[in-house]
Amino acid sequence: MWSVSVESVPGLRDADCLRAEEPAHPDAAEAEYWLRIYLGLLRVTERSLDVTLDHMRDLQEPARRYLQRSHVAALTEAAGHFRERCDAWRRILDGLSA
């Protein structure tokens, strides 16, 4: 079973989890912070998806269909969301560097 802890994301502390993601005027440090957070979430989600897909190969068809509809669909959607947030923070960071 997968779990995510604060320690699994470098530079993250418990208090940081309450910070607002969309500051009015982000600086480079803020953009790097959120990019790091979303990259960590993306890695965990993609790994969970890989493990699920690998596990599905050994299951009978009804179980594969169930996992496809529930877990695979949810993980794929979450990964897409995290990818979009990574892209958004990269654009902000690039804009600040220009």
PDB file of N, CA and C in Angstrom:
ATOM      1  N   MET A   1       0.844  -1.180   0.000  1.00  0.00           N
ATOM      2  CA  MET A   1       0.000   0.000   0.000  1.00  0.00           C
ATOM      3  C   MET A   1       0.883   1.235   0.000  1.00  0.00           C
ATOM      4  N   TRP A   2       0.509   2.238  -0.777  1.00  0.00           N
ATOM      5  CA  TRP A   2       1.269   3.475  -0.879  1.00  0.00           C
ATOM      6  C   TRP A   2       0.812   4.464   0.177  1.00  0.00           C
ATOM      7  N   SER A   3       1.747   5.224   0.664  1.00  0.00           N
ATOM      8  CA  SER A   3       1.402   6.340   1.521  1.00  0.00           C
ATOM      9  C   SER A   3       2.342   7.484   1.185  1.00  0.00           C
ATOM     10  N   VAL A   4       1.894   8.676   1.444  1.00  0.00           N
ATOM     11  CA  VAL A   4       2.706   9.852   1.184  1.00  0.00           C
ATOM     12  C   VAL A   4       2.923  10.549   2.508  1.00  0.00           C
ATOM     13  N   SER A   5       4.161  10.878   2.792  1.00  0.00           N
ATOM     14  CA  SER A   5       4.461  11.599   4.017  1.00  0.00           C
ATOM     15  C   SER A   5       5.133  12.909   3.666  1.00  0.00           C
ATOM     16  N   VAL A   6       5.131  13.810   4.598  1.00  0.00           N
ATOM     17  CA  VAL A   6       5.777  15.099   4.402  1.00  0.00           C
ATOM     18  C   VAL A   6       7.250  14.880   4.089  1.00  0.00           C
ATOM     19  N   GLU A   7       7.853  13.872   4.711  1.00  0.00           N
ATOM     20  CA  GLU A   7       9.268  13.601   4.517  1.00  0.00           C
ATOM     21  C   GLU A   7       9.588  13.143   3.092  1.00  0.00           C
ATOM     22  N   SER A   8       8.603  12.671   2.337  1.00  0.00           N
ATOM     23  CA  SER A   8       8.860  12.160   0.995  1.00  0.00           C
ATOM     24  C   SER A   8       9.041  13.258  -0.042  1.00  0.00           C
ATOM     25  N   VAL A   9       8.754  14.494   0.321  1.00  0.00           N
ATOM     26  CA  VAL A   9       8.929  15.622  -0.599  1.00  0.00           C
ATOM     27  C   VAL A   9      10.012  16.526  -0.014  1.00  0.00           C
ATOM     28  N   PRO A  10      11.187  16.575  -0.652  1.00  0.00           N
ATOM     29  CA  PRO A  10      12.280  17.387  -0.117  1.00  0.00           C
ATOM     30  C   PRO A  10      11.876  18.839   0.108  1.00  0.00           C
ATOM     31  N   GLY A  11      12.208  19.350   1.273  1.00  0.00           N
ATOM     32  CA  GLY A  11      11.944  20.754   1.572  1.00  0.00           C
ATOM     33  C   GLY A  11      10.547  21.043   2.102  1.00  0.00           C
ATOM     34  N   LEU A  12       9.696  20.028   2.230  1.00  0.00           N
ATOM     35  CA  LEU A  12       8.328  20.249   2.696  1.00  0.00           C
ATOM     36  C   LEU A  12       8.236  20.000   4.193  1.00  0.00           C
ATOM     37  N   ARG A  13       7.521  20.880   4.869  1.00  0.00           N
ATOM     38  CA  ARG A  13       7.251  20.721   6.297  1.00  0.00           C
ATOM     39  C   ARG A  13       5.742  20.698   6.500  1.00  0.00           C
ATOM     40  N   ASP A  14       5.307  20.192   7.646  1.00  0.00           N
ATOM     41  CA  ASP A  14       3.870  20.137   7.941  1.00  0.00           C
ATOM     42  C   ASP A  14       3.204  21.498   7.772  1.00  0.00           C
ATOM     43  N   ALA A  15       3.816  22.544   8.256  1.00  0.00           N
ATOM     44  CA  ALA A  15       3.210  23.876   8.196  1.00  0.00           C
ATOM     45  C   ALA A  15       3.043  24.339   6.752  1.00  0.00           C
ATOM     46  N   ASP A  16       3.922  23.882   5.852  1.00  0.00           N
ATOM     47  CA  ASP A  16       3.835  24.289   4.452  1.00  0.00           C
ATOM     48  C   ASP A  16       2.572  23.787   3.781  1.00  0.00           C
ATOM     49  N   CYS A  17       2.003  22.719   4.283  1.00  0.00           N
ATOM     50  CA  CYS A  17       0.824  22.128   3.646  1.00  0.00           C
ATOM     51  C   CYS A  17      -0.372  23.072   3.686  1.00  0.00           C
ATOM     52  N   LEU A  18      -0.334  24.076   4.521  1.00  0.00           N
ATOM     53  CA  LEU A  18      -1.456  25.004   4.645  1.00  0.00           C
ATOM     54  C   LEU A  18      -1.276  26.259   3.801  1.00  0.00           C
ATOM     55  N   ARG A  19      -0.155  26.387   3.114  1.00  0.00           N
ATOM     56  CA  ARG A  19       0.086  27.584   2.305  1.00  0.00           C
ATOM     57  C   ARG A  19      -0.838  27.624   1.100  1.00  0.00           C
ATOM     58  N   ALA A  20      -1.228  28.833   0.719  1.00  0.00           N
ATOM     59  CA  ALA A  20      -2.058  29.005  -0.478  1.00  0.00           C
ATOM     60  C   ALA A  20      -1.197  28.765  -1.714  1.00  0.00           C
ATOM     61  N   GLU A  21      -1.769  28.052  -2.684  1.00  0.00           N
ATOM     62  CA  GLU A  21      -1.007  27.743  -3.890  1.00  0.00           C
ATOM     63  C   GLU A  21      -0.894  28.915  -4.841  1.00  0.00           C
ATOM     64  N   GLU A  22      -1.866  29.782  -4.889  1.00  0.00           N
ATOM     65  CA  GLU A  22      -1.903  30.844  -5.888  1.00  0.00           C
ATOM     66  C   GLU A  22      -1.640  32.211  -5.261  1.00  0.00           C
ATOM     67  N   PRO A  23      -0.387  32.524  -4.935  1.00  0.00           N
ATOM     68  CA  PRO A  23      -0.117  33.851  -4.385  1.00  0.00           C
ATOM     69  C   PRO A  23      -0.348  34.929  -5.444  1.00  0.00           C
ATOM     70  N   ALA A  24      -0.670  36.115  -4.996  1.00  0.00           N
ATOM     71  CA  ALA A  24      -0.961  37.203  -5.932  1.00  0.00           C
ATOM     72  C   ALA A  24       0.247  37.541  -6.798  1.00  0.00           C
ATOM     73  N   HIS A  25       1.431  37.548  -6.209  1.00  0.00           N
ATOM     74  CA  HIS A  25       2.652  37.899  -6.933  1.00  0.00           C
ATOM     75  C   HIS A  25       3.753  36.905  -6.574  1.00  0.00           C
ATOM     76  N   PRO A  26       3.735  35.731  -7.207  1.00  0.00           N
ATOM     77  CA  PRO A  26       4.739  34.724  -6.839  1.00  0.00           C
ATOM     78  C   PRO A  26       6.148  35.150  -7.238  1.00  0.00           C
ATOM     79  N   ASP A  27       7.110  34.769  -6.408  1.00  0.00           N
ATOM     80  CA  ASP A  27       8.496  34.993  -6.771  1.00  0.00           C
ATOM     81  C   ASP A  27       9.093  33.655  -7.197  1.00  0.00           C
ATOM     82  N   ALA A  28      10.350  33.653  -7.565  1.00  0.00           N
ATOM     83  CA  ALA A  28      10.985  32.431  -8.059  1.00  0.00           C
ATOM     84  C   ALA A  28      10.982  31.339  -6.995  1.00  0.00           C
ATOM     85  N   ALA A  29      11.222  31.704  -5.753  1.00  0.00           N
ATOM     86  CA  ALA A  29      11.241  30.703  -4.679  1.00  0.00           C
ATOM     87  C   ALA A  29       9.873  30.039  -4.530  1.00  0.00           C
ATOM     88  N   GLU A  30       8.819  30.838  -4.619  1.00  0.00           N
ATOM     89  CA  GLU A  30       7.452  30.310  -4.522  1.00  0.00           C
ATOM     90  C   GLU A  30       7.158  29.379  -5.695  1.00  0.00           C
ATOM     91  N   ALA A  31       7.533  29.786  -6.885  1.00  0.00           N
ATOM     92  CA  ALA A  31       7.299  28.960  -8.071  1.00  0.00           C
ATOM     93  C   ALA A  31       8.081  27.654  -7.983  1.00  0.00           C
ATOM     94  N   GLU A  32       9.316  27.720  -7.546  1.00  0.00           N
ATOM     95  CA  GLU A  32      10.120  26.501  -7.384  1.00  0.00           C
ATOM     96  C   GLU A  32       9.525  25.586  -6.328  1.00  0.00           C
ATOM     97  N   TYR A  33       9.028  26.186  -5.251  1.00  0.00           N
ATOM     98  CA  TYR A  33       8.398  25.413  -4.186  1.00  0.00           C
ATOM     99  C   TYR A  33       7.217  24.605  -4.729  1.00  0.00           C
ATOM    100  N   TRP A  34       6.295  25.295  -5.426  1.00  0.00           N
ATOM    101  CA  TRP A  34       5.104  24.604  -5.916  1.00  0.00           C
ATOM    102  C   TRP A  34       5.440  23.631  -7.040  1.00  0.00           C
ATOM    103  N   LEU A  35       6.414  23.945  -7.853  1.00  0.00           N
ATOM    104  CA  LEU A  35       6.838  23.000  -8.883  1.00  0.00           C
ATOM    105  C   LEU A  35       7.370  21.727  -8.227  1.00  0.00           C
ATOM    106  N   ARG A  36       8.163  21.871  -7.182  1.00  0.00           N
ATOM    107  CA  ARG A  36       8.695  20.719  -6.457  1.00  0.00           C
ATOM    108  C   ARG A  36       7.559  19.879  -5.839  1.00  0.00           C
ATOM    109  N   ILE A  37       6.572  20.553  -5.267  1.00  0.00           N
ATOM    110  CA  ILE A  37       5.428  19.843  -4.668  1.00  0.00           C
ATOM    111  C   ILE A  37       4.699  19.026  -5.736  1.00  0.00           C
ATOM    112  N   TYR A  38       4.360  19.671  -6.848  1.00  0.00           N
ATOM    113  CA  TYR A  38       3.598  18.972  -7.886  1.00  0.00           C
ATOM    114  C   TYR A  38       4.416  17.897  -8.590  1.00  0.00           C
ATOM    115  N   LEU A  39       5.712  18.091  -8.730  1.00  0.00           N
ATOM    116  CA  LEU A  39       6.542  17.026  -9.305  1.00  0.00           C
ATOM    117  C   LEU A  39       6.550  15.807  -8.392  1.00  0.00           C
ATOM    118  N   GLY A  40       6.601  16.030  -7.088  1.00  0.00           N
ATOM    119  CA  GLY A  40       6.533  14.922  -6.137  1.00  0.00           C
ATOM    120  C   GLY A  40       5.201  14.193  -6.210  1.00  0.00           C
ATOM    121  N   LEU A  41       4.115  14.946  -6.264  1.00  0.00           N
ATOM    122  CA  LEU A  41       2.793  14.334  -6.385  1.00  0.00           C
ATOM    123  C   LEU A  41       2.654  13.566  -7.697  1.00  0.00           C
ATOM    124  N   LEU A  42       3.200  14.135  -8.758  1.00  0.00           N
ATOM    125  CA  LEU A  42       3.137  13.461 -10.056  1.00  0.00           C
ATOM    126  C   LEU A  42       3.918  12.149 -10.018  1.00  0.00           C
ATOM    127  N   ARG A  43       5.115  12.165  -9.431  1.00  0.00           N
ATOM    128  CA  ARG A  43       5.914  10.932  -9.338  1.00  0.00           C
ATOM    129  C   ARG A  43       5.178   9.840  -8.566  1.00  0.00           C
ATOM    130  N   VAL A  44       4.602  10.198  -7.420  1.00  0.00           N
ATOM    131  CA  VAL A  44       3.875   9.220  -6.604  1.00  0.00           C
ATOM    132  C   VAL A  44       2.673   8.672  -7.376  1.00  0.00           C
ATOM    133  N   THR A  45       1.946   9.549  -8.040  1.00  0.00           N
ATOM    134  CA  THR A  45       0.754   9.135  -8.786  1.00  0.00           C
ATOM    135  C   THR A  45       1.124   8.244  -9.957  1.00  0.00           C
ATOM    136  N   GLU A  46       2.157   8.619 -10.709  1.00  0.00           N
ATOM    137  CA  GLU A  46       2.580   7.788 -11.842  1.00  0.00           C
ATOM    138  C   GLU A  46       3.075   6.433 -11.376  1.00  0.00           C
ATOM    139  N   ARG A  47       3.783   6.403 -10.252  1.00  0.00           N
ATOM    140  CA  ARG A  47       4.260   5.118  -9.709  1.00  0.00           C
ATOM    141  C   ARG A  47       3.074   4.254  -9.283  1.00  0.00           C
ATOM    142  N   SER A  48       2.090   4.848  -8.645  1.00  0.00           N
ATOM    143  CA  SER A  48       0.884   4.105  -8.251  1.00  0.00           C
ATOM    144  C   SER A  48       0.166   3.547  -9.477  1.00  0.00           C
ATOM    145  N   LEU A  49       0.103   4.340 -10.534  1.00  0.00           N
ATOM    146  CA  LEU A  49      -0.528   3.888 -11.764  1.00  0.00           C
ATOM    147  C   LEU A  49       0.253   2.721 -12.369  1.00  0.00           C
ATOM    148  N   ASP A  50       1.575   2.836 -12.400  1.00  0.00           N
ATOM    149  CA  ASP A  50       2.398   1.745 -12.930  1.00  0.00           C
ATOM    150  C   ASP A  50       2.200   0.458 -12.142  1.00  0.00           C
ATOM    151  N   VAL A  51       2.180   0.562 -10.826  1.00  0.00           N
ATOM    152  CA  VAL A  51       1.992  -0.623  -9.972  1.00  0.00           C
ATOM    153  C   VAL A  51       0.613  -1.231 -10.221  1.00  0.00           C
ATOM    154  N   THR A  52      -0.405  -0.395 -10.317  1.00  0.00           N
ATOM    155  CA  THR A  52      -1.762  -0.881 -10.563  1.00  0.00           C
ATOM    156  C   THR A  52      -1.846  -1.593 -11.913  1.00  0.00           C
ATOM    157  N   LEU A  53      -1.306  -0.974 -12.955  1.00  0.00           N
ATOM    158  CA  LEU A  53      -1.351  -1.593 -14.287  1.00  0.00           C
ATOM    159  C   LEU A  53      -0.575  -2.909 -14.311  1.00  0.00           C
ATOM    160  N   ASP A  54       0.543  -2.950 -13.626  1.00  0.00           N
ATOM    161  CA  ASP A  54       1.330  -4.181 -13.555  1.00  0.00           C
ATOM    162  C   ASP A  54       0.542  -5.280 -12.834  1.00  0.00           C
ATOM    163  N   HIS A  55      -0.083  -4.918 -11.745  1.00  0.00           N
ATOM    164  CA  HIS A  55      -0.881  -5.875 -10.965  1.00  0.00           C
ATOM    165  C   HIS A  55      -2.083  -6.391 -11.765  1.00  0.00           C
ATOM    166  N   MET A  56      -2.651  -5.545 -12.595  1.00  0.00           N
ATOM    167  CA  MET A  56      -3.850  -5.918 -13.359  1.00  0.00           C
ATOM    168  C   MET A  56      -3.582  -7.070 -14.325  1.00  0.00           C
ATOM    169  N   ARG A  57      -2.356  -7.193 -14.792  1.00  0.00           N
ATOM    170  CA  ARG A  57      -2.039  -8.258 -15.765  1.00  0.00           C
ATOM    171  C   ARG A  57      -2.314  -9.646 -15.229  1.00  0.00           C
ATOM    172  N   ASP A  58      -2.224  -9.823 -13.920  1.00  0.00           N
ATOM    173  CA  ASP A  58      -2.405 -11.132 -13.297  1.00  0.00           C
ATOM    174  C   ASP A  58      -3.850 -11.403 -12.866  1.00  0.00           C
ATOM    175  N   LEU A  59      -4.729 -10.465 -13.113  1.00  0.00           N
ATOM    176  CA  LEU A  59      -6.109 -10.609 -12.646  1.00  0.00           C
ATOM    177  C   LEU A  59      -7.039 -11.083 -13.750  1.00  0.00           C
ATOM    178  N   GLN A  60      -8.163 -11.629 -13.324  1.00  0.00           N
ATOM    179  CA  GLN A  60      -9.183 -12.021 -14.287  1.00  0.00           C
ATOM    180  C   GLN A  60      -9.882 -10.774 -14.821  1.00  0.00           C
ATOM    181  N   GLU A  61     -10.530 -10.930 -15.954  1.00  0.00           N
ATOM    182  CA  GLU A  61     -11.136  -9.804 -16.662  1.00  0.00           C
ATOM    183  C   GLU A  61     -12.073  -8.948 -15.799  1.00  0.00           C
ATOM    184  N   PRO A  62     -12.972  -9.524 -14.997  1.00  0.00           N
ATOM    185  CA  PRO A  62     -13.853  -8.659 -14.191  1.00  0.00           C
ATOM    186  C   PRO A  62     -13.066  -7.751 -13.239  1.00  0.00           C
ATOM    187  N   ALA A  63     -12.020  -8.271 -12.647  1.00  0.00           N
ATOM    188  CA  ALA A  63     -11.214  -7.463 -11.735  1.00  0.00           C
ATOM    189  C   ALA A  63     -10.447  -6.386 -12.504  1.00  0.00           C
ATOM    190  N   ARG A  64      -9.954  -6.723 -13.684  1.00  0.00           N
ATOM    191  CA  ARG A  64      -9.253  -5.727 -14.510  1.00  0.00           C
ATOM    192  C   ARG A  64     -10.191  -4.593 -14.897  1.00  0.00           C
ATOM    193  N   ARG A  65     -11.421  -4.945 -15.296  1.00  0.00           N
ATOM    194  CA  ARG A  65     -12.405  -3.911 -15.665  1.00  0.00           C
ATOM    195  C   ARG A  65     -12.699  -2.992 -14.476  1.00  0.00           C
ATOM    196  N   TYR A  66     -12.856  -3.606 -13.307  1.00  0.00           N
ATOM    197  CA  TYR A  66     -13.131  -2.818 -12.106  1.00  0.00           C
ATOM    198  C   TYR A  66     -11.990  -1.841 -11.833  1.00  0.00           C
ATOM    199  N   LEU A  67     -10.760  -2.336 -11.829  1.00  0.00           N
ATOM    200  CA  LEU A  67      -9.615  -1.468 -11.564  1.00  0.00           C
ATOM    201  C   LEU A  67      -9.454  -0.396 -12.638  1.00  0.00           C
ATOM    202  N   GLN A  68      -9.752  -0.739 -13.875  1.00  0.00           N
ATOM    203  CA  GLN A  68      -9.668   0.242 -14.956  1.00  0.00           C
ATOM    204  C   GLN A  68     -10.634   1.391 -14.706  1.00  0.00           C
ATOM    205  N   ARG A  69     -11.868   1.052 -14.337  1.00  0.00           N
ATOM    206  CA  ARG A  69     -12.893   2.085 -14.109  1.00  0.00           C
ATOM    207  C   ARG A  69     -12.630   2.890 -12.840  1.00  0.00           C
ATOM    208  N   SER A  70     -12.107   2.255 -11.825  1.00  0.00           N
ATOM    209  CA  SER A  70     -11.941   2.956 -10.550  1.00  0.00           C
ATOM    210  C   SER A  70     -10.537   3.537 -10.405  1.00  0.00           C
ATOM    211  N   HIS A  71      -9.579   2.698 -10.162  1.00  0.00           N
ATOM    212  CA  HIS A  71      -8.231   3.159  -9.845  1.00  0.00           C
ATOM    213  C   HIS A  71      -7.500   3.789 -11.032  1.00  0.00           C
ATOM    214  N   VAL A  72      -7.486   3.110 -12.156  1.00  0.00           N
ATOM    215  CA  VAL A  72      -6.725   3.615 -13.302  1.00  0.00           C
ATOM    216  C   VAL A  72      -7.298   4.950 -13.776  1.00  0.00           C
ATOM    217  N   ALA A  73      -8.597   5.041 -13.857  1.00  0.00           N
ATOM    218  CA  ALA A  73      -9.222   6.299 -14.298  1.00  0.00           C
ATOM    219  C   ALA A  73      -8.892   7.437 -13.336  1.00  0.00           C
ATOM    220  N   ALA A  74      -8.999   7.187 -12.038  1.00  0.00           N
ATOM    221  CA  ALA A  74      -8.728   8.228 -11.050  1.00  0.00           C
ATOM    222  C   ALA A  74      -7.256   8.634 -11.053  1.00  0.00           C
ATOM    223  N   LEU A  75      -6.361   7.654 -11.123  1.00  0.00           N
ATOM    224  CA  LEU A  75      -4.932   7.966 -11.133  1.00  0.00           C
ATOM    225  C   LEU A  75      -4.530   8.708 -12.403  1.00  0.00           C
ATOM    226  N   THR A  76      -5.110   8.325 -13.520  1.00  0.00           N
ATOM    227  CA  THR A  76      -4.816   9.004 -14.780  1.00  0.00           C
ATOM    228  C   THR A  76      -5.280  10.456 -14.734  1.00  0.00           C
ATOM    229  N   GLU A  77      -6.461  10.671 -14.196  1.00  0.00           N
ATOM    230  CA  GLU A  77      -6.983  12.037 -14.065  1.00  0.00           C
ATOM    231  C   GLU A  77      -6.114  12.865 -13.118  1.00  0.00           C
ATOM    232  N   ALA A  78      -5.737  12.280 -11.990  1.00  0.00           N
ATOM    233  CA  ALA A  78      -4.891  12.997 -11.028  1.00  0.00           C
ATOM    234  C   ALA A  78      -3.536  13.336 -11.647  1.00  0.00           C
ATOM    235  N   ALA A  79      -2.935  12.389 -12.351  1.00  0.00           N
ATOM    236  CA  ALA A  79      -1.641  12.643 -12.993  1.00  0.00           C
ATOM    237  C   ALA A  79      -1.759  13.789 -13.997  1.00  0.00           C
ATOM    238  N   GLY A  80      -2.841  13.818 -14.744  1.00  0.00           N
ATOM    239  CA  GLY A  80      -3.065  14.903 -15.700  1.00  0.00           C
ATOM    240  C   GLY A  80      -3.161  16.248 -14.999  1.00  0.00           C
ATOM    241  N   HIS A  81      -3.874  16.277 -13.886  1.00  0.00           N
ATOM    242  CA  HIS A  81      -4.000  17.518 -13.111  1.00  0.00           C
ATOM    243  C   HIS A  81      -2.634  17.966 -12.594  1.00  0.00           C
ATOM    244  N   PHE A  82      -1.856  17.040 -12.035  1.00  0.00           N
ATOM    245  CA  PHE A  82      -0.543  17.391 -11.498  1.00  0.00           C
ATOM    246  C   PHE A  82       0.395  17.848 -12.613  1.00  0.00           C
ATOM    247  N   ARG A  83       0.291  17.233 -13.791  1.00  0.00           N
ATOM    248  CA  ARG A  83       1.096  17.648 -14.944  1.00  0.00           C
ATOM    249  C   ARG A  83       0.752  19.091 -15.350  1.00  0.00           C
ATOM    250  N   GLU A  84      -0.545  19.399 -15.355  1.00  0.00           N
ATOM    251  CA  GLU A  84      -0.988  20.757 -15.693  1.00  0.00           C
ATOM    252  C   GLU A  84      -0.459  21.775 -14.690  1.00  0.00           C
ATOM    253  N   ARG A  85      -0.487  21.435 -13.412  1.00  0.00           N
ATOM    254  CA  ARG A  85       0.022  22.358 -12.387  1.00  0.00           C
ATOM    255  C   ARG A  85       1.526  22.528 -12.528  1.00  0.00           C
ATOM    256  N   CYS A  86       2.247  21.443 -12.837  1.00  0.00           N
ATOM    257  CA  CYS A  86       3.695  21.546 -13.078  1.00  0.00           C
ATOM    258  C   CYS A  86       3.954  22.497 -14.242  1.00  0.00           C
ATOM    259  N   ASP A  87       3.213  22.326 -15.306  1.00  0.00           N
ATOM    260  CA  ASP A  87       3.375  23.187 -16.480  1.00  0.00           C
ATOM    261  C   ASP A  87       3.089  24.648 -16.131  1.00  0.00           C
ATOM    262  N   ALA A  88       2.037  24.881 -15.356  1.00  0.00           N
ATOM    263  CA  ALA A  88       1.677  26.252 -14.975  1.00  0.00           C
ATOM    264  C   ALA A  88       2.786  26.892 -14.143  1.00  0.00           C
ATOM    265  N   TRP A  89       3.321  26.159 -13.178  1.00  0.00           N
ATOM    266  CA  TRP A  89       4.381  26.719 -12.344  1.00  0.00           C
ATOM    267  C   TRP A  89       5.685  26.864 -13.123  1.00  0.00           C
ATOM    268  N   ARG A  90       5.934  25.999 -14.085  1.00  0.00           N
ATOM    269  CA  ARG A  90       7.113  26.166 -14.947  1.00  0.00           C
ATOM    270  C   ARG A  90       6.989  27.453 -15.771  1.00  0.00           C
ATOM    271  N   ARG A  91       5.774  27.709 -16.294  1.00  0.00           N
ATOM    272  CA  ARG A  91       5.555  28.941 -17.062  1.00  0.00           C
ATOM    273  C   ARG A  91       5.776  30.170 -16.190  1.00  0.00           C
ATOM    274  N   ILE A  92       5.280  30.124 -14.961  1.00  0.00           N
ATOM    275  CA  ILE A  92       5.478  31.245 -14.037  1.00  0.00           C
ATOM    276  C   ILE A  92       6.963  31.428 -13.761  1.00  0.00           C
ATOM    277  N   LEU A  93       7.645  30.333 -13.495  1.00  0.00           N
ATOM    278  CA  LEU A  93       9.088  30.392 -13.217  1.00  0.00           C
ATOM    279  C   LEU A  93       9.845  30.921 -14.420  1.00  0.00           C
ATOM    280  N   ASP A  94       9.495  30.442 -15.603  1.00  0.00           N
ATOM    281  CA  ASP A  94      10.138  30.933 -16.830  1.00  0.00           C
ATOM    282  C   ASP A  94       9.886  32.423 -17.026  1.00  0.00           C
ATOM    283  N   GLY A  95       8.678  32.871 -16.739  1.00  0.00           N
ATOM    284  CA  GLY A  95       8.340  34.274 -16.861  1.00  0.00           C
ATOM    285  C   GLY A  95       9.123  35.148 -15.873  1.00  0.00           C
ATOM    286  N   LEU A  96       9.366  34.620 -14.704  1.00  0.00           N
ATOM    287  CA  LEU A  96      10.132  35.356 -13.707  1.00  0.00           C
ATOM    288  C   LEU A  96      11.612  35.410 -14.074  1.00  0.00           C
ATOM    289  N   SER A  97      12.070  34.402 -14.802  1.00  0.00           N
ATOM    290  CA  SER A  97      13.488  34.331 -15.207  1.00  0.00           C
ATOM    291  C   SER A  97      13.779  35.192 -16.426  1.00  0.00           C
ATOM    292  N   ALA A  98      12.728  35.523 -17.169  1.00  0.00           N
ATOM    293  CA  ALA A  98      12.925  36.280 -18.428  1.00  0.00           C
ATOM    294  C   ALA A  98      13.244  37.731 -18.188  1.00  0.00           C
TER     295      ALA A  98
END
